[in-house]
Amino acid sequence: IEGFAGTGEGNLIADRIQRAGGTIDIIALDEPHFFASIYEGPNACGWSVEKVAAEVAQYADLMRARFPNVIRSGLVSTPFECTRRLARYGCHRARSR
């Protein structure tokens, strides 16, 4: 899926940015629940809501450890039903950091 990466790729990106003297100020996640759990097209993940929340939280934790002042901007363009399902499963931890 276009742009779909986890902590391994996040570390590679962070390394390149830090080596160049840069920093990450804002991270925006584009519909992680939809594309990792609901999407049924080519290369679909089919993850559970819980797995999506855990992966998002792990990625956010990694980036905050590398860039302590980073602001995570929420779940960009997430359909209302997806947001309700995430909240129902206690995934607010991943959304509120």
N, C-alpha and C. Protein backbone atom coordinates (compact mmCIF):
# COMPACT_ATOMS: atom_id res chain seq x y z
N ILE A 1 0.86 -1.17 0.00
CA ILE A 1 0.00 0.00 0.00
C ILE A 1 0.90 1.23 0.00
N GLU A 2 0.55 2.19 -0.81
CA GLU A 2 1.36 3.39 -0.96
C GLU A 2 1.64 4.07 0.38
N GLY A 3 2.91 4.27 0.68
CA GLY A 3 3.31 5.00 1.86
C GLY A 3 3.18 4.25 3.17
N PHE A 4 2.90 2.97 3.13
CA PHE A 4 2.68 2.20 4.34
C PHE A 4 4.02 1.68 4.84
N ALA A 5 4.39 2.09 6.05
CA ALA A 5 5.68 1.66 6.61
C ALA A 5 5.56 1.58 8.13
N GLY A 6 6.44 0.83 8.72
CA GLY A 6 6.43 0.68 10.17
C GLY A 6 7.65 1.30 10.81
N THR A 7 8.00 0.78 11.99
CA THR A 7 9.10 1.37 12.75
C THR A 7 10.46 1.18 12.07
N GLY A 8 10.63 0.09 11.34
CA GLY A 8 11.90 -0.11 10.63
C GLY A 8 12.16 1.00 9.63
N GLU A 9 11.16 1.28 8.82
CA GLU A 9 11.27 2.37 7.85
C GLU A 9 11.34 3.72 8.55
N GLY A 10 10.61 3.86 9.65
CA GLY A 10 10.66 5.11 10.42
C GLY A 10 12.06 5.40 10.93
N ASN A 11 12.75 4.36 11.40
CA ASN A 11 14.13 4.53 11.86
C ASN A 11 15.06 4.94 10.72
N LEU A 12 14.87 4.33 9.54
CA LEU A 12 15.70 4.70 8.39
C LEU A 12 15.49 6.16 8.00
N ILE A 13 14.24 6.58 7.98
CA ILE A 13 13.92 7.97 7.65
C ILE A 13 14.52 8.91 8.70
N ALA A 14 14.34 8.57 9.97
CA ALA A 14 14.88 9.41 11.06
C ALA A 14 16.40 9.51 10.95
N ASP A 15 17.06 8.39 10.67
CA ASP A 15 18.53 8.41 10.51
C ASP A 15 18.96 9.37 9.42
N ARG A 16 18.31 9.28 8.26
CA ARG A 16 18.68 10.16 7.12
C ARG A 16 18.46 11.62 7.47
N ILE A 17 17.35 11.91 8.10
CA ILE A 17 17.05 13.31 8.46
C ILE A 17 18.05 13.83 9.48
N GLN A 18 18.34 13.03 10.51
CA GLN A 18 19.28 13.47 11.54
C GLN A 18 20.70 13.61 10.99
N ARG A 19 21.12 12.70 10.11
CA ARG A 19 22.46 12.81 9.49
C ARG A 19 22.60 14.10 8.68
N ALA A 20 21.49 14.54 8.10
CA ALA A 20 21.50 15.78 7.31
C ALA A 20 21.34 17.01 8.19
N GLY A 21 21.24 16.81 9.51
CA GLY A 21 21.10 17.94 10.43
C GLY A 21 19.66 18.41 10.61
N GLY A 22 18.71 17.61 10.14
CA GLY A 22 17.31 18.02 10.21
C GLY A 22 16.59 17.45 11.41
N THR A 23 15.33 17.79 11.49
CA THR A 23 14.47 17.30 12.55
C THR A 23 13.08 17.07 11.97
N ILE A 24 12.26 16.34 12.68
CA ILE A 24 10.86 16.16 12.31
C ILE A 24 10.04 16.92 13.34
N ASP A 25 9.21 17.82 12.85
CA ASP A 25 8.38 18.62 13.73
C ASP A 25 6.95 18.09 13.83
N ILE A 26 6.42 17.56 12.71
CA ILE A 26 5.04 17.11 12.67
C ILE A 26 4.97 15.79 11.92
N ILE A 27 4.18 14.87 12.45
CA ILE A 27 3.91 13.61 11.76
C ILE A 27 2.40 13.54 11.55
N ALA A 28 1.98 13.34 10.31
CA ALA A 28 0.56 13.17 9.99
C ALA A 28 0.37 11.75 9.47
N LEU A 29 -0.60 11.06 10.02
CA LEU A 29 -0.90 9.69 9.60
C LEU A 29 -2.18 9.71 8.77
N ASP A 30 -2.10 9.18 7.57
CA ASP A 30 -3.22 9.23 6.64
C ASP A 30 -4.04 7.94 6.71
N GLU A 31 -5.08 7.96 7.48
CA GLU A 31 -6.04 6.87 7.58
C GLU A 31 -5.43 5.50 7.86
N PRO A 32 -4.62 5.37 8.91
CA PRO A 32 -4.00 4.07 9.16
C PRO A 32 -5.00 2.95 9.41
N HIS A 33 -6.10 3.27 10.08
CA HIS A 33 -7.10 2.21 10.33
C HIS A 33 -7.73 1.75 9.02
N PHE A 34 -8.11 2.68 8.17
CA PHE A 34 -8.74 2.29 6.91
C PHE A 34 -7.80 1.43 6.06
N PHE A 35 -6.58 1.91 5.83
CA PHE A 35 -5.69 1.22 4.92
C PHE A 35 -5.09 -0.07 5.49
N ALA A 36 -4.98 -0.18 6.81
CA ALA A 36 -4.42 -1.40 7.39
C ALA A 36 -5.48 -2.42 7.79
N SER A 37 -6.73 -1.98 7.93
CA SER A 37 -7.74 -2.89 8.46
C SER A 37 -8.95 -3.06 7.53
N ILE A 38 -9.45 -1.98 6.96
CA ILE A 38 -10.69 -2.03 6.18
C ILE A 38 -10.44 -2.23 4.69
N TYR A 39 -9.43 -1.58 4.16
CA TYR A 39 -9.10 -1.65 2.73
C TYR A 39 -8.96 -3.11 2.29
N GLU A 40 -9.57 -3.45 1.15
CA GLU A 40 -9.53 -4.83 0.65
C GLU A 40 -8.90 -4.95 -0.73
N GLY A 41 -8.24 -3.90 -1.20
CA GLY A 41 -7.63 -3.92 -2.51
C GLY A 41 -6.29 -4.64 -2.54
N PRO A 42 -5.52 -4.42 -3.61
CA PRO A 42 -4.20 -5.06 -3.74
C PRO A 42 -3.30 -4.78 -2.53
N ASN A 43 -2.59 -5.78 -2.08
CA ASN A 43 -1.64 -5.69 -0.96
C ASN A 43 -2.30 -5.33 0.37
N ALA A 44 -3.59 -5.63 0.52
CA ALA A 44 -4.29 -5.32 1.76
C ALA A 44 -3.66 -6.05 2.94
N CYS A 45 -3.61 -5.37 4.08
CA CYS A 45 -3.02 -5.94 5.29
C CYS A 45 -4.01 -6.83 6.03
N GLY A 46 -5.24 -6.37 6.16
CA GLY A 46 -6.25 -7.12 6.89
C GLY A 46 -5.99 -7.20 8.39
N TRP A 47 -5.35 -6.19 8.95
CA TRP A 47 -5.03 -6.20 10.38
C TRP A 47 -6.28 -5.95 11.21
N SER A 48 -6.25 -6.42 12.45
CA SER A 48 -7.32 -6.12 13.40
C SER A 48 -7.18 -4.67 13.85
N VAL A 49 -8.25 -4.15 14.42
CA VAL A 49 -8.21 -2.78 14.96
C VAL A 49 -7.13 -2.67 16.03
N GLU A 50 -7.03 -3.71 16.86
CA GLU A 50 -6.04 -3.70 17.93
C GLU A 50 -4.62 -3.64 17.38
N LYS A 51 -4.35 -4.39 16.31
CA LYS A 51 -3.00 -4.39 15.72
C LYS A 51 -2.69 -3.01 15.12
N VAL A 52 -3.66 -2.42 14.45
CA VAL A 52 -3.45 -1.09 13.88
C VAL A 52 -3.10 -0.10 14.99
N ALA A 53 -3.88 -0.12 16.07
CA ALA A 53 -3.63 0.80 17.18
C ALA A 53 -2.25 0.57 17.79
N ALA A 54 -1.89 -0.69 17.97
CA ALA A 54 -0.57 -1.01 18.55
C ALA A 54 0.55 -0.53 17.65
N GLU A 55 0.42 -0.74 16.34
CA GLU A 55 1.46 -0.32 15.39
C GLU A 55 1.58 1.20 15.33
N VAL A 56 0.45 1.90 15.33
CA VAL A 56 0.47 3.37 15.31
C VAL A 56 1.12 3.89 16.59
N ALA A 57 0.75 3.32 17.73
CA ALA A 57 1.33 3.75 19.00
C ALA A 57 2.84 3.48 19.03
N GLN A 58 3.26 2.32 18.54
CA GLN A 58 4.68 1.99 18.51
C GLN A 58 5.45 2.96 17.62
N TYR A 59 4.88 3.28 16.46
CA TYR A 59 5.53 4.23 15.54
C TYR A 59 5.61 5.62 16.18
N ALA A 60 4.52 6.06 16.80
CA ALA A 60 4.51 7.37 17.45
C ALA A 60 5.53 7.42 18.59
N ASP A 61 5.60 6.35 19.37
CA ASP A 61 6.58 6.29 20.47
C ASP A 61 8.01 6.36 19.95
N LEU A 62 8.28 5.63 18.86
CA LEU A 62 9.62 5.64 18.26
C LEU A 62 9.99 7.05 17.80
N MET A 63 9.09 7.69 17.08
CA MET A 63 9.40 9.01 16.55
C MET A 63 9.55 10.04 17.67
N ARG A 64 8.75 9.91 18.73
CA ARG A 64 8.88 10.84 19.86
C ARG A 64 10.22 10.60 20.58
N ALA A 65 10.67 9.36 20.64
CA ALA A 65 11.98 9.07 21.25
C ALA A 65 13.10 9.69 20.42
N ARG A 66 12.98 9.66 19.11
CA ARG A 66 14.01 10.21 18.23
C ARG A 66 13.91 11.73 18.13
N PHE A 67 12.69 12.25 18.16
CA PHE A 67 12.42 13.69 18.02
C PHE A 67 11.45 14.10 19.13
N PRO A 68 11.97 14.40 20.33
CA PRO A 68 11.12 14.63 21.51
C PRO A 68 10.06 15.72 21.35
N ASN A 69 10.27 16.68 20.47
CA ASN A 69 9.30 17.77 20.32
C ASN A 69 8.33 17.54 19.17
N VAL A 70 8.35 16.38 18.58
CA VAL A 70 7.46 16.11 17.44
C VAL A 70 6.00 16.19 17.87
N ILE A 71 5.19 16.71 16.98
CA ILE A 71 3.75 16.77 17.19
C ILE A 71 3.12 15.81 16.20
N ARG A 72 2.31 14.89 16.71
CA ARG A 72 1.60 13.97 15.82
C ARG A 72 0.24 14.56 15.60
N SER A 73 -0.12 14.75 14.35
CA SER A 73 -1.29 15.56 14.04
C SER A 73 -2.59 14.79 13.96
N GLY A 74 -2.69 13.62 14.43
CA GLY A 74 -3.97 12.93 14.37
C GLY A 74 -4.12 12.10 13.12
N LEU A 75 -5.26 11.52 12.98
CA LEU A 75 -5.52 10.60 11.88
C LEU A 75 -6.15 11.37 10.74
N VAL A 76 -5.35 11.75 9.77
CA VAL A 76 -5.79 12.59 8.67
C VAL A 76 -6.88 11.91 7.86
N SER A 77 -7.96 12.62 7.61
CA SER A 77 -9.05 12.18 6.74
C SER A 77 -9.64 10.83 7.11
N THR A 78 -9.62 10.50 8.36
CA THR A 78 -10.17 9.22 8.77
C THR A 78 -11.69 9.31 8.78
N PRO A 79 -12.35 8.42 8.05
CA PRO A 79 -13.82 8.44 8.06
C PRO A 79 -14.36 8.28 9.48
N PHE A 80 -15.50 8.90 9.75
CA PHE A 80 -16.07 8.90 11.09
C PHE A 80 -16.21 7.49 11.65
N GLU A 81 -16.70 6.56 10.87
CA GLU A 81 -16.90 5.20 11.37
C GLU A 81 -15.57 4.58 11.81
N CYS A 82 -14.50 4.82 11.09
CA CYS A 82 -13.19 4.29 11.48
C CYS A 82 -12.77 4.88 12.81
N THR A 83 -12.94 6.17 12.99
CA THR A 83 -12.56 6.83 14.23
C THR A 83 -13.37 6.27 15.40
N ARG A 84 -14.67 6.06 15.19
CA ARG A 84 -15.52 5.48 16.24
C ARG A 84 -15.03 4.09 16.61
N ARG A 85 -14.68 3.27 15.62
CA ARG A 85 -14.20 1.92 15.90
C ARG A 85 -12.88 1.96 16.65
N LEU A 86 -11.98 2.85 16.28
CA LEU A 86 -10.71 2.96 16.99
C LEU A 86 -10.95 3.34 18.44
N ALA A 87 -11.82 4.33 18.67
CA ALA A 87 -12.10 4.76 20.04
C ALA A 87 -12.74 3.63 20.85
N ARG A 88 -13.61 2.89 20.23
CA ARG A 88 -14.30 1.79 20.93
C ARG A 88 -13.29 0.75 21.41
N TYR A 89 -12.22 0.55 20.69
CA TYR A 89 -11.22 -0.46 21.06
C TYR A 89 -10.08 0.12 21.88
N GLY A 90 -10.25 1.31 22.40
CA GLY A 90 -9.25 1.88 23.29
C GLY A 90 -8.02 2.39 22.57
N CYS A 91 -8.16 2.69 21.31
CA CYS A 91 -7.02 3.12 20.52
C CYS A 91 -6.75 4.61 20.66
N HIS A 92 -7.49 5.26 21.55
CA HIS A 92 -7.26 6.68 21.77
C HIS A 92 -5.82 6.94 22.20
N ARG A 93 -5.15 5.95 22.79
CA ARG A 93 -3.74 6.12 23.15
C ARG A 93 -2.92 6.49 21.93
N ALA A 94 -3.16 5.82 20.83
CA ALA A 94 -2.41 6.09 19.61
C ALA A 94 -2.77 7.44 19.02
N ARG A 95 -4.02 7.88 19.22
CA ARG A 95 -4.46 9.13 18.62
C ARG A 95 -4.11 10.35 19.45
N SER A 96 -3.89 10.17 20.75
CA SER A 96 -3.76 11.32 21.63
C SER A 96 -2.33 11.74 21.93
N ARG A 97 -1.36 11.04 21.42
CA ARG A 97 0.03 11.38 21.73
C ARG A 97 0.53 12.51 20.92
